[in-house]
Each structure stands twice: as structure tokens, then as C-alpha cells.
Amino acid sequence: MKRLHQIPLELIFWVVALALLATAKPHGYEDHLSFTWCPLANLGLQWCPGCGLGRSITQLFHGNIAESLKLHWFGIPALLIICMRVFTLLKLECNRIFNLKNTEEDYV
């Protein structure tokens, strides 16, 4: 339990976010007009730089590349950037754990 508190919060956030996007039900392009948390869309603006990004990544997880590109062109680069960030955080955490073990063995 003590080690669970040492895991970076950002790593937990990204892994949970990707898991939720991967398990979400993919919606079509016309389904995006339902309820939204986007403040720009709720103000009545038609264009928002982030709207559709989550749905685009969900479509990617389900193998629908054309639908993903239709929802948001930045879905593929965003998924790659997030995966790279998760990999970097995991690598840093592994290095920290192994360095911690090595220093503990030096004291014995």
C-alpha cells in the first residue's frame, strides 16, 4: 500500500483515462450533438479545438481509423503523445524503484 502512494498521480491519471476511452462505447459523428462538458459548445460556438478528441481516440481503440479522423484530426497524434508520456513515466518509476533497491542492498 505504501508503494501505491509513491506512484505519480499523472501516471495514474493517464492510464485510467486511456482505459476509460478504450472501454467506452464508440459514437458516430452525428452523435456528438448530445450533452457536452465543453464550455465553448455550451456557449453556442460551433468550433472548439478539443471537441471530438476523446471520441476520436475511442474510435481508434475500436479500430475505426476513418471515423477517428472524421471526428478529430489530432486523435492519432494525441494518442501517440499520451502513450509516449505513459511510457516515459513508467520508465522513470522503474528506474526510481530499481535505484532504491540498489541503495537498500548497499546498506545490508
PDB file of N, CA and C in Angstrom:
ATOM      1  N   MET A   1       0.831  -1.198   0.000  1.00  0.00           N
ATOM      2  CA  MET A   1       0.000   0.000   0.000  1.00  0.00           C
ATOM      3  C   MET A   1       0.871   1.255   0.000  1.00  0.00           C
ATOM      4  N   LYS A   2       2.022   1.183   0.655  1.00  0.00           N
ATOM      5  CA  LYS A   2       2.900   2.334   0.707  1.00  0.00           C
ATOM      6  C   LYS A   2       3.422   2.679  -0.681  1.00  0.00           C
ATOM      7  N   ARG A   3       3.685   1.652  -1.491  1.00  0.00           N
ATOM      8  CA  ARG A   3       4.205   1.887  -2.847  1.00  0.00           C
ATOM      9  C   ARG A   3       3.143   2.507  -3.749  1.00  0.00           C
ATOM     10  N   LEU A   4       1.865   2.188  -3.495  1.00  0.00           N
ATOM     11  CA  LEU A   4       0.784   2.750  -4.307  1.00  0.00           C
ATOM     12  C   LEU A   4       0.754   4.268  -4.182  1.00  0.00           C
ATOM     13  N   HIS A   5       1.074   4.793  -3.027  1.00  0.00           N
ATOM     14  CA  HIS A   5       1.102   6.246  -2.824  1.00  0.00           C
ATOM     15  C   HIS A   5       2.312   6.891  -3.506  1.00  0.00           C
ATOM     16  N   GLN A   6       3.313   6.098  -3.837  1.00  0.00           N
ATOM     17  CA  GLN A   6       4.507   6.642  -4.469  1.00  0.00           C
ATOM     18  C   GLN A   6       4.392   6.730  -5.989  1.00  0.00           C
ATOM     19  N   ILE A   7       3.353   6.108  -6.544  1.00  0.00           N
ATOM     20  CA  ILE A   7       3.158   6.168  -7.994  1.00  0.00           C
ATOM     21  C   ILE A   7       2.719   7.588  -8.352  1.00  0.00           C
ATOM     22  N   PRO A   8       3.336   8.201  -9.376  1.00  0.00           N
ATOM     23  CA  PRO A   8       2.961   9.569  -9.750  1.00  0.00           C
ATOM     24  C   PRO A   8       1.486   9.668 -10.141  1.00  0.00           C
ATOM     25  N   LEU A   9       0.851  10.709  -9.672  1.00  0.00           N
ATOM     26  CA  LEU A   9      -0.577  10.920  -9.945  1.00  0.00           C
ATOM     27  C   LEU A   9      -0.838  11.078 -11.438  1.00  0.00           C
ATOM     28  N   GLU A  10       0.109  11.678 -12.146  1.00  0.00           N
ATOM     29  CA  GLU A  10      -0.060  11.858 -13.588  1.00  0.00           C
ATOM     30  C   GLU A  10      -0.116  10.515 -14.307  1.00  0.00           C
ATOM     31  N   LEU A  11       0.711   9.570 -13.857  1.00  0.00           N
ATOM     32  CA  LEU A  11       0.705   8.235 -14.470  1.00  0.00           C
ATOM     33  C   LEU A  11      -0.643   7.556 -14.246  1.00  0.00           C
ATOM     34  N   ILE A  12      -1.159   7.634 -13.030  1.00  0.00           N
ATOM     35  CA  ILE A  12      -2.467   7.043 -12.733  1.00  0.00           C
ATOM     36  C   ILE A  12      -3.544   7.703 -13.582  1.00  0.00           C
ATOM     37  N   PHE A  13      -3.497   9.031 -13.698  1.00  0.00           N
ATOM     38  CA  PHE A  13      -4.491   9.765 -14.485  1.00  0.00           C
ATOM     39  C   PHE A  13      -4.516   9.306 -15.936  1.00  0.00           C
ATOM     40  N   TRP A  14      -3.336   9.243 -16.571  1.00  0.00           N
ATOM     41  CA  TRP A  14      -3.293   8.879 -17.991  1.00  0.00           C
ATOM     42  C   TRP A  14      -3.699   7.436 -18.231  1.00  0.00           C
ATOM     43  N   VAL A  15      -3.287   6.523 -17.362  1.00  0.00           N
ATOM     44  CA  VAL A  15      -3.650   5.110 -17.537  1.00  0.00           C
ATOM     45  C   VAL A  15      -5.153   4.927 -17.364  1.00  0.00           C
ATOM     46  N   VAL A  16      -5.738   5.571 -16.365  1.00  0.00           N
ATOM     47  CA  VAL A  16      -7.188   5.466 -16.163  1.00  0.00           C
ATOM     48  C   VAL A  16      -7.937   6.116 -17.332  1.00  0.00           C
ATOM     49  N   ALA A  17      -7.454   7.267 -17.794  1.00  0.00           N
ATOM     50  CA  ALA A  17      -8.108   7.951 -18.921  1.00  0.00           C
ATOM     51  C   ALA A  17      -8.079   7.081 -20.179  1.00  0.00           C
ATOM     52  N   LEU A  18      -6.936   6.474 -20.466  1.00  0.00           N
ATOM     53  CA  LEU A  18      -6.849   5.617 -21.648  1.00  0.00           C
ATOM     54  C   LEU A  18      -7.726   4.384 -21.497  1.00  0.00           C
ATOM     55  N   ALA A  19      -7.769   3.820 -20.291  1.00  0.00           N
ATOM     56  CA  ALA A  19      -8.630   2.645 -20.062  1.00  0.00           C
ATOM     57  C   ALA A  19     -10.099   3.000 -20.254  1.00  0.00           C
ATOM     58  N   LEU A  20     -10.510   4.169 -19.768  1.00  0.00           N
ATOM     59  CA  LEU A  20     -11.904   4.595 -19.937  1.00  0.00           C
ATOM     60  C   LEU A  20     -12.223   4.858 -21.405  1.00  0.00           C
ATOM     61  N   LEU A  21     -11.288   5.490 -22.128  1.00  0.00           N
ATOM     62  CA  LEU A  21     -11.525   5.741 -23.557  1.00  0.00           C
ATOM     63  C   LEU A  21     -11.562   4.435 -24.349  1.00  0.00           C
ATOM     64  N   ALA A  22     -10.739   3.473 -23.948  1.00  0.00           N
ATOM     65  CA  ALA A  22     -10.700   2.192 -24.666  1.00  0.00           C
ATOM     66  C   ALA A  22     -11.953   1.373 -24.428  1.00  0.00           C
ATOM     67  N   THR A  23     -12.556   1.510 -23.245  1.00  0.00           N
ATOM     68  CA  THR A  23     -13.741   0.706 -22.939  1.00  0.00           C
ATOM     69  C   THR A  23     -15.045   1.446 -23.219  1.00  0.00           C
ATOM     70  N   ALA A  24     -14.957   2.716 -23.620  1.00  0.00           N
ATOM     71  CA  ALA A  24     -16.183   3.481 -23.917  1.00  0.00           C
ATOM     72  C   ALA A  24     -16.804   2.989 -25.209  1.00  0.00           C
ATOM     73  N   LYS A  25     -18.118   3.165 -25.284  1.00  0.00           N
ATOM     74  CA  LYS A  25     -18.848   2.801 -26.495  1.00  0.00           C
ATOM     75  C   LYS A  25     -18.583   3.866 -27.554  1.00  0.00           C
ATOM     76  N   PRO A  26     -18.113   3.470 -28.740  1.00  0.00           N
ATOM     77  CA  PRO A  26     -17.839   4.491 -29.758  1.00  0.00           C
ATOM     78  C   PRO A  26     -19.132   5.050 -30.337  1.00  0.00           C
ATOM     79  N   HIS A  27     -19.145   6.364 -30.498  1.00  0.00           N
ATOM     80  CA  HIS A  27     -20.297   7.050 -31.073  1.00  0.00           C
ATOM     81  C   HIS A  27     -19.941   7.548 -32.465  1.00  0.00           C
ATOM     82  N   GLY A  28     -20.933   7.741 -33.274  1.00  0.00           N
ATOM     83  CA  GLY A  28     -20.727   8.239 -34.619  1.00  0.00           C
ATOM     84  C   GLY A  28     -20.562   9.736 -34.646  1.00  0.00           C
ATOM     85  N   TYR A  29     -20.333  10.262 -35.829  1.00  0.00           N
ATOM     86  CA  TYR A  29     -20.086  11.685 -35.988  1.00  0.00           C
ATOM     87  C   TYR A  29     -21.307  12.515 -35.605  1.00  0.00           C
ATOM     88  N   GLU A  30     -22.515  12.037 -35.935  1.00  0.00           N
ATOM     89  CA  GLU A  30     -23.717  12.797 -35.651  1.00  0.00           C
ATOM     90  C   GLU A  30     -24.121  12.718 -34.181  1.00  0.00           C
ATOM     91  N   ASP A  31     -23.573  11.767 -33.429  1.00  0.00           N
ATOM     92  CA  ASP A  31     -23.945  11.608 -32.030  1.00  0.00           C
ATOM     93  C   ASP A  31     -23.303  12.646 -31.131  1.00  0.00           C
ATOM     94  N   HIS A  32     -22.409  13.476 -31.652  1.00  0.00           N
ATOM     95  CA  HIS A  32     -21.677  14.401 -30.802  1.00  0.00           C
ATOM     96  C   HIS A  32     -22.506  15.593 -30.363  1.00  0.00           C
ATOM     97  N   LEU A  33     -23.716  15.719 -30.849  1.00  0.00           N
ATOM     98  CA  LEU A  33     -24.530  16.876 -30.507  1.00  0.00           C
ATOM     99  C   LEU A  33     -25.337  16.687 -29.233  1.00  0.00           C
ATOM    100  N   SER A  34     -25.098  15.604 -28.521  1.00  0.00           N
ATOM    101  CA  SER A  34     -25.797  15.396 -27.261  1.00  0.00           C
ATOM    102  C   SER A  34     -25.113  16.214 -26.161  1.00  0.00           C
ATOM    103  N   PHE A  35     -25.290  15.859 -24.917  1.00  0.00           N
ATOM    104  CA  PHE A  35     -24.736  16.607 -23.801  1.00  0.00           C
ATOM    105  C   PHE A  35     -23.224  16.704 -23.901  1.00  0.00           C
ATOM    106  N   THR A  36     -22.672  17.865 -23.561  1.00  0.00           N
ATOM    107  CA  THR A  36     -21.232  18.063 -23.589  1.00  0.00           C
ATOM    108  C   THR A  36     -20.796  18.905 -22.395  1.00  0.00           C
ATOM    109  N   TRP A  37     -19.567  18.670 -21.935  1.00  0.00           N
ATOM    110  CA  TRP A  37     -18.970  19.461 -20.860  1.00  0.00           C
ATOM    111  C   TRP A  37     -18.226  20.672 -21.420  1.00  0.00           C
ATOM    112  N   CYS A  38     -18.084  20.760 -22.733  1.00  0.00           N
ATOM    113  CA  CYS A  38     -17.292  21.810 -23.363  1.00  0.00           C
ATOM    114  C   CYS A  38     -17.930  23.184 -23.123  1.00  0.00           C
ATOM    115  N   PRO A  39     -17.186  24.120 -22.519  1.00  0.00           N
ATOM    116  CA  PRO A  39     -17.759  25.441 -22.274  1.00  0.00           C
ATOM    117  C   PRO A  39     -18.010  26.214 -23.566  1.00  0.00           C
ATOM    118  N   LEU A  40     -17.177  26.017 -24.582  1.00  0.00           N
ATOM    119  CA  LEU A  40     -17.385  26.732 -25.849  1.00  0.00           C
ATOM    120  C   LEU A  40     -18.648  26.250 -26.546  1.00  0.00           C
ATOM    121  N   ALA A  41     -18.854  24.939 -26.563  1.00  0.00           N
ATOM    122  CA  ALA A  41     -20.066  24.397 -27.185  1.00  0.00           C
ATOM    123  C   ALA A  41     -21.305  24.831 -26.416  1.00  0.00           C
ATOM    124  N   ASN A  42     -21.196  24.880 -25.093  1.00  0.00           N
ATOM    125  CA  ASN A  42     -22.345  25.311 -24.286  1.00  0.00           C
ATOM    126  C   ASN A  42     -22.631  26.797 -24.444  1.00  0.00           C
ATOM    127  N   LEU A  43     -21.635  27.580 -24.882  1.00  0.00           N
ATOM    128  CA  LEU A  43     -21.856  28.996 -25.173  1.00  0.00           C
ATOM    129  C   LEU A  43     -22.451  29.208 -26.563  1.00  0.00           C
ATOM    130  N   GLY A  44     -22.556  28.127 -27.338  1.00  0.00           N
ATOM    131  CA  GLY A  44     -23.150  28.213 -28.656  1.00  0.00           C
ATOM    132  C   GLY A  44     -22.157  28.361 -29.783  1.00  0.00           C
ATOM    133  N   LEU A  45     -20.847  28.305 -29.464  1.00  0.00           N
ATOM    134  CA  LEU A  45     -19.840  28.400 -30.521  1.00  0.00           C
ATOM    135  C   LEU A  45     -19.778  27.076 -31.282  1.00  0.00           C
ATOM    136  N   GLN A  46     -19.625  27.150 -32.568  1.00  0.00           N
ATOM    137  CA  GLN A  46     -19.631  25.959 -33.405  1.00  0.00           C
ATOM    138  C   GLN A  46     -18.279  25.255 -33.438  1.00  0.00           C
ATOM    139  N   TRP A  47     -17.204  25.984 -33.207  1.00  0.00           N
ATOM    140  CA  TRP A  47     -15.874  25.401 -33.322  1.00  0.00           C
ATOM    141  C   TRP A  47     -15.171  25.384 -31.968  1.00  0.00           C
ATOM    142  N   CYS A  48     -14.546  24.265 -31.654  1.00  0.00           N
ATOM    143  CA  CYS A  48     -13.754  24.123 -30.436  1.00  0.00           C
ATOM    144  C   CYS A  48     -12.548  23.254 -30.787  1.00  0.00           C
ATOM    145  N   PRO A  49     -11.352  23.644 -30.350  1.00  0.00           N
ATOM    146  CA  PRO A  49     -10.170  22.858 -30.724  1.00  0.00           C
ATOM    147  C   PRO A  49     -10.117  21.481 -30.087  1.00  0.00           C
ATOM    148  N   GLY A  50     -10.848  21.246 -29.010  1.00  0.00           N
ATOM    149  CA  GLY A  50     -10.753  19.965 -28.320  1.00  0.00           C
ATOM    150  C   GLY A  50     -11.954  19.060 -28.490  1.00  0.00           C
ATOM    151  N   CYS A  51     -13.058  19.581 -28.975  1.00  0.00           N
ATOM    152  CA  CYS A  51     -14.261  18.767 -29.104  1.00  0.00           C
ATOM    153  C   CYS A  51     -14.049  17.638 -30.109  1.00  0.00           C
ATOM    154  N   GLY A  52     -14.382  16.450 -29.702  1.00  0.00           N
ATOM    155  CA  GLY A  52     -14.253  15.282 -30.559  1.00  0.00           C
ATOM    156  C   GLY A  52     -12.962  14.520 -30.357  1.00  0.00           C
ATOM    157  N   LEU A  53     -12.040  15.054 -29.581  1.00  0.00           N
ATOM    158  CA  LEU A  53     -10.746  14.392 -29.388  1.00  0.00           C
ATOM    159  C   LEU A  53     -10.902  13.069 -28.632  1.00  0.00           C
ATOM    160  N   GLY A  54     -11.671  13.066 -27.574  1.00  0.00           N
ATOM    161  CA  GLY A  54     -11.902  11.825 -26.814  1.00  0.00           C
ATOM    162  C   GLY A  54     -12.631  10.789 -27.648  1.00  0.00           C
ATOM    163  N   ARG A  55     -13.645  11.228 -28.396  1.00  0.00           N
ATOM    164  CA  ARG A  55     -14.379  10.291 -29.258  1.00  0.00           C
ATOM    165  C   ARG A  55     -13.476   9.766 -30.368  1.00  0.00           C
ATOM    166  N   SER A  56     -12.565  10.612 -30.845  1.00  0.00           N
ATOM    167  CA  SER A  56     -11.619  10.183 -31.873  1.00  0.00           C
ATOM    168  C   SER A  56     -10.697   9.086 -31.348  1.00  0.00           C
ATOM    169  N   ILE A  57     -10.210   9.255 -30.120  1.00  0.00           N
ATOM    170  CA  ILE A  57      -9.329   8.239 -29.531  1.00  0.00           C
ATOM    171  C   ILE A  57     -10.114   6.952 -29.262  1.00  0.00           C
ATOM    172  N   THR A  58     -11.365   7.082 -28.837  1.00  0.00           N
ATOM    173  CA  THR A  58     -12.195   5.890 -28.626  1.00  0.00           C
ATOM    174  C   THR A  58     -12.378   5.127 -29.942  1.00  0.00           C
ATOM    175  N   GLN A  59     -12.603   5.854 -31.033  1.00  0.00           N
ATOM    176  CA  GLN A  59     -12.725   5.191 -32.334  1.00  0.00           C
ATOM    177  C   GLN A  59     -11.427   4.484 -32.708  1.00  0.00           C
ATOM    178  N   LEU A  60     -10.294   5.083 -32.382  1.00  0.00           N
ATOM    179  CA  LEU A  60      -9.008   4.438 -32.673  1.00  0.00           C
ATOM    180  C   LEU A  60      -8.873   3.125 -31.910  1.00  0.00           C
ATOM    181  N   PHE A  61      -9.258   3.128 -30.644  1.00  0.00           N
ATOM    182  CA  PHE A  61      -9.177   1.903 -29.849  1.00  0.00           C
ATOM    183  C   PHE A  61     -10.070   0.806 -30.412  1.00  0.00           C
ATOM    184  N   HIS A  62     -11.123   1.179 -31.118  1.00  0.00           N
ATOM    185  CA  HIS A  62     -12.014   0.189 -31.707  1.00  0.00           C
ATOM    186  C   HIS A  62     -11.662  -0.097 -33.170  1.00  0.00           C
ATOM    187  N   GLY A  63     -10.558   0.459 -33.655  1.00  0.00           N
ATOM    188  CA  GLY A  63     -10.066   0.144 -34.990  1.00  0.00           C
ATOM    189  C   GLY A  63     -10.705   0.934 -36.106  1.00  0.00           C
ATOM    190  N   ASN A  64     -11.463   1.976 -35.800  1.00  0.00           N
ATOM    191  CA  ASN A  64     -12.140   2.768 -36.826  1.00  0.00           C
ATOM    192  C   ASN A  64     -11.304   4.019 -37.138  1.00  0.00           C
ATOM    193  N   ILE A  65     -10.314   3.872 -37.969  1.00  0.00           N
ATOM    194  CA  ILE A  65      -9.393   4.979 -38.239  1.00  0.00           C
ATOM    195  C   ILE A  65     -10.079   6.097 -39.030  1.00  0.00           C
ATOM    196  N   ALA A  66     -10.867   5.746 -40.033  1.00  0.00           N
ATOM    197  CA  ALA A  66     -11.540   6.775 -40.845  1.00  0.00           C
ATOM    198  C   ALA A  66     -12.517   7.586 -39.994  1.00  0.00           C
ATOM    199  N   GLU A  67     -13.271   6.911 -39.128  1.00  0.00           N
ATOM    200  CA  GLU A  67     -14.212   7.623 -38.249  1.00  0.00           C
ATOM    201  C   GLU A  67     -13.455   8.496 -37.262  1.00  0.00           C
ATOM    202  N   SER A  68     -12.306   7.999 -36.796  1.00  0.00           N
ATOM    203  CA  SER A  68     -11.477   8.769 -35.871  1.00  0.00           C
ATOM    204  C   SER A  68     -10.997  10.056 -36.517  1.00  0.00           C
ATOM    205  N   LEU A  69     -10.526   9.977 -37.750  1.00  0.00           N
ATOM    206  CA  LEU A  69     -10.058  11.167 -38.458  1.00  0.00           C
ATOM    207  C   LEU A  69     -11.198  12.133 -38.734  1.00  0.00           C
ATOM    208  N   LYS A  70     -12.395  11.605 -38.957  1.00  0.00           N
ATOM    209  CA  LYS A  70     -13.544  12.462 -39.216  1.00  0.00           C
ATOM    210  C   LYS A  70     -13.943  13.237 -37.943  1.00  0.00           C
ATOM    211  N   LEU A  71     -13.809  12.581 -36.772  1.00  0.00           N
ATOM    212  CA  LEU A  71     -14.184  13.235 -35.529  1.00  0.00           C
ATOM    213  C   LEU A  71     -13.176  14.301 -35.123  1.00  0.00           C
ATOM    214  N   HIS A  72     -11.872  13.995 -35.245  1.00  0.00           N
ATOM    215  CA  HIS A  72     -10.840  14.978 -34.899  1.00  0.00           C
ATOM    216  C   HIS A  72      -9.522  14.526 -35.516  1.00  0.00           C
ATOM    217  N   TRP A  73      -8.889  15.406 -36.268  1.00  0.00           N
ATOM    218  CA  TRP A  73      -7.658  15.032 -36.965  1.00  0.00           C
ATOM    219  C   TRP A  73      -6.506  14.782 -35.993  1.00  0.00           C
ATOM    220  N   PHE A  74      -6.585  15.322 -34.781  1.00  0.00           N
ATOM    221  CA  PHE A  74      -5.477  15.207 -33.838  1.00  0.00           C
ATOM    222  C   PHE A  74      -5.590  13.961 -32.949  1.00  0.00           C
ATOM    223  N   GLY A  75      -6.568  13.092 -33.193  1.00  0.00           N
ATOM    224  CA  GLY A  75      -6.752  11.908 -32.356  1.00  0.00           C
ATOM    225  C   GLY A  75      -5.557  10.974 -32.375  1.00  0.00           C
ATOM    226  N   ILE A  76      -5.031  10.677 -33.549  1.00  0.00           N
ATOM    227  CA  ILE A  76      -3.879   9.766 -33.663  1.00  0.00           C
ATOM    228  C   ILE A  76      -2.635  10.373 -33.014  1.00  0.00           C
ATOM    229  N   PRO A  77      -2.250  11.632 -33.325  1.00  0.00           N
ATOM    230  CA  PRO A  77      -1.089  12.207 -32.638  1.00  0.00           C
ATOM    231  C   PRO A  77      -1.300  12.320 -31.131  1.00  0.00           C
ATOM    232  N   ALA A  78      -2.513  12.636 -30.690  1.00  0.00           N
ATOM    233  CA  ALA A  78      -2.774  12.753 -29.242  1.00  0.00           C
ATOM    234  C   ALA A  78      -2.589  11.412 -28.555  1.00  0.00           C
ATOM    235  N   LEU A  79      -3.084  10.344 -29.167  1.00  0.00           N
ATOM    236  CA  LEU A  79      -2.921   9.018 -28.573  1.00  0.00           C
ATOM    237  C   LEU A  79      -1.445   8.638 -28.505  1.00  0.00           C
ATOM    238  N   LEU A  80      -0.694   8.952 -29.560  1.00  0.00           N
ATOM    239  CA  LEU A  80       0.743   8.652 -29.558  1.00  0.00           C
ATOM    240  C   LEU A  80       1.473   9.457 -28.478  1.00  0.00           C
ATOM    241  N   ILE A  81       1.125  10.720 -28.339  1.00  0.00           N
ATOM    242  CA  ILE A  81       1.768  11.572 -27.322  1.00  0.00           C
ATOM    243  C   ILE A  81       1.446  11.064 -25.911  1.00  0.00           C
ATOM    244  N   ILE A  82       0.187  10.698 -25.678  1.00  0.00           N
ATOM    245  CA  ILE A  82      -0.198  10.197 -24.345  1.00  0.00           C
ATOM    246  C   ILE A  82       0.507   8.868 -24.056  1.00  0.00           C
ATOM    247  N   CYS A  83       0.563   7.974 -25.040  1.00  0.00           N
ATOM    248  CA  CYS A  83       1.253   6.685 -24.838  1.00  0.00           C
ATOM    249  C   CYS A  83       2.739   6.912 -24.563  1.00  0.00           C
ATOM    250  N   MET A  84       3.339   7.850 -25.261  1.00  0.00           N
ATOM    251  CA  MET A  84       4.759   8.164 -25.025  1.00  0.00           C
ATOM    252  C   MET A  84       4.956   8.715 -23.624  1.00  0.00           C
ATOM    253  N   ARG A  85       4.044   9.554 -23.167  1.00  0.00           N
ATOM    254  CA  ARG A  85       4.138  10.106 -21.816  1.00  0.00           C
ATOM    255  C   ARG A  85       3.986   9.007 -20.757  1.00  0.00           C
ATOM    256  N   VAL A  86       3.055   8.072 -20.972  1.00  0.00           N
ATOM    257  CA  VAL A  86       2.876   6.950 -20.040  1.00  0.00           C
ATOM    258  C   VAL A  86       4.137   6.101 -20.014  1.00  0.00           C
ATOM    259  N   PHE A  87       4.707   5.821 -21.179  1.00  0.00           N
ATOM    260  CA  PHE A  87       5.934   5.029 -21.249  1.00  0.00           C
ATOM    261  C   PHE A  87       7.074   5.736 -20.509  1.00  0.00           C
ATOM    262  N   THR A  88       7.212   7.053 -20.707  1.00  0.00           N
ATOM    263  CA  THR A  88       8.266   7.808 -20.029  1.00  0.00           C
ATOM    264  C   THR A  88       8.080   7.784 -18.516  1.00  0.00           C
ATOM    265  N   LEU A  89       6.851   7.970 -18.045  1.00  0.00           N
ATOM    266  CA  LEU A  89       6.587   7.946 -16.601  1.00  0.00           C
ATOM    267  C   LEU A  89       6.851   6.562 -16.019  1.00  0.00           C
ATOM    268  N   LEU A  90       6.466   5.506 -16.758  1.00  0.00           N
ATOM    269  CA  LEU A  90       6.735   4.143 -16.289  1.00  0.00           C
ATOM    270  C   LEU A  90       8.238   3.881 -16.212  1.00  0.00           C
ATOM    271  N   LYS A  91       8.975   4.351 -17.205  1.00  0.00           N
ATOM    272  CA  LYS A  91      10.424   4.164 -17.228  1.00  0.00           C
ATOM    273  C   LYS A  91      11.078   4.892 -16.049  1.00  0.00           C
ATOM    274  N   LEU A  92      10.648   6.121 -15.785  1.00  0.00           N
ATOM    275  CA  LEU A  92      11.189   6.873 -14.647  1.00  0.00           C
ATOM    276  C   LEU A  92      10.861   6.182 -13.324  1.00  0.00           C
ATOM    277  N   GLU A  93       9.643   5.663 -13.224  1.00  0.00           N
ATOM    278  CA  GLU A  93       9.232   4.988 -11.986  1.00  0.00           C
ATOM    279  C   GLU A  93      10.026   3.696 -11.788  1.00  0.00           C
ATOM    280  N   CYS A  94      10.237   2.943 -12.865  1.00  0.00           N
ATOM    281  CA  CYS A  94      11.034   1.711 -12.767  1.00  0.00           C
ATOM    282  C   CYS A  94      12.465   2.041 -12.367  1.00  0.00           C
ATOM    283  N   ASN A  95      13.042   3.059 -12.972  1.00  0.00           N
ATOM    284  CA  ASN A  95      14.409   3.460 -12.617  1.00  0.00           C
ATOM    285  C   ASN A  95      14.498   3.878 -11.155  1.00  0.00           C
ATOM    286  N   ARG A  96      13.492   4.598 -10.686  1.00  0.00           N
ATOM    287  CA  ARG A  96      13.485   5.033  -9.293  1.00  0.00           C
ATOM    288  C   ARG A  96      13.391   3.831  -8.347  1.00  0.00           C
ATOM    289  N   ILE A  97      12.539   2.862  -8.680  1.00  0.00           N
ATOM    290  CA  ILE A  97      12.373   1.684  -7.827  1.00  0.00           C
ATOM    291  C   ILE A  97      13.654   0.857  -7.812  1.00  0.00           C
ATOM    292  N   PHE A  98      14.259   0.622  -8.995  1.00  0.00           N
ATOM    293  CA  PHE A  98      15.476  -0.190  -9.048  1.00  0.00           C
ATOM    294  C   PHE A  98      16.641   0.516  -8.369  1.00  0.00           C
ATOM    295  N   ASN A  99      16.741   1.828  -8.521  1.00  0.00           N
ATOM    296  CA  ASN A  99      17.798   2.573  -7.825  1.00  0.00           C
ATOM    297  C   ASN A  99      17.597   2.536  -6.322  1.00  0.00           C
ATOM    298  N   LEU A 100      16.344   2.565  -5.896  1.00  0.00           N
ATOM    299  CA  LEU A 100      16.029   2.482  -4.473  1.00  0.00           C
ATOM    300  C   LEU A 100      16.426   1.111  -3.922  1.00  0.00           C
ATOM    301  N   LYS A 101      16.147   0.035  -4.702  1.00  0.00           N
ATOM    302  CA  LYS A 101      16.522  -1.308  -4.264  1.00  0.00           C
ATOM    303  C   LYS A 101      18.035  -1.449  -4.186  1.00  0.00           C
ATOM    304  N   ASN A 102      18.748  -0.886  -5.177  1.00  0.00           N
ATOM    305  CA  ASN A 102      20.202  -0.984  -5.174  1.00  0.00           C
ATOM    306  C   ASN A 102      20.795  -0.273  -3.962  1.00  0.00           C
ATOM    307  N   THR A 103      20.262   0.867  -3.604  1.00  0.00           N
ATOM    308  CA  THR A 103      20.791   1.577  -2.445  1.00  0.00           C
ATOM    309  C   THR A 103      20.450   0.853  -1.156  1.00  0.00           C
ATOM    310  N   GLU A 104      19.282   0.172  -1.106  1.00  0.00           N
ATOM    311  CA  GLU A 104      18.929  -0.603   0.075  1.00  0.00           C
ATOM    312  C   GLU A 104      19.855  -1.794   0.233  1.00  0.00           C
ATOM    313  N   GLU A 105      20.234  -2.435  -0.874  1.00  0.00           N
ATOM    314  CA  GLU A 105      21.145  -3.573  -0.806  1.00  0.00           C
ATOM    315  C   GLU A 105      22.543  -3.145  -0.373  1.00  0.00           C
ATOM    316  N   ASP A 106      22.940  -1.931  -0.713  1.00  0.00           N
ATOM    317  CA  ASP A 106      24.254  -1.431  -0.311  1.00  0.00           C
ATOM    318  C   ASP A 106      24.361  -1.283   1.200  1.00  0.00           C
ATOM    319  N   TYR A 107      23.233  -1.001   1.852  1.00  0.00           N
ATOM    320  CA  TYR A 107      23.257  -0.818   3.296  1.00  0.00           C
ATOM    321  C   TYR A 107      23.303  -2.137   4.055  1.00  0.00           C
ATOM    322  N   VAL A 108      22.896  -3.249   3.417  1.00  0.00           N
ATOM    323  CA  VAL A 108      22.853  -4.551   4.104  1.00  0.00           C
ATOM    324  C   VAL A 108      24.218  -5.167   4.161  1.00  0.00           C
TER     325      VAL A 108
END
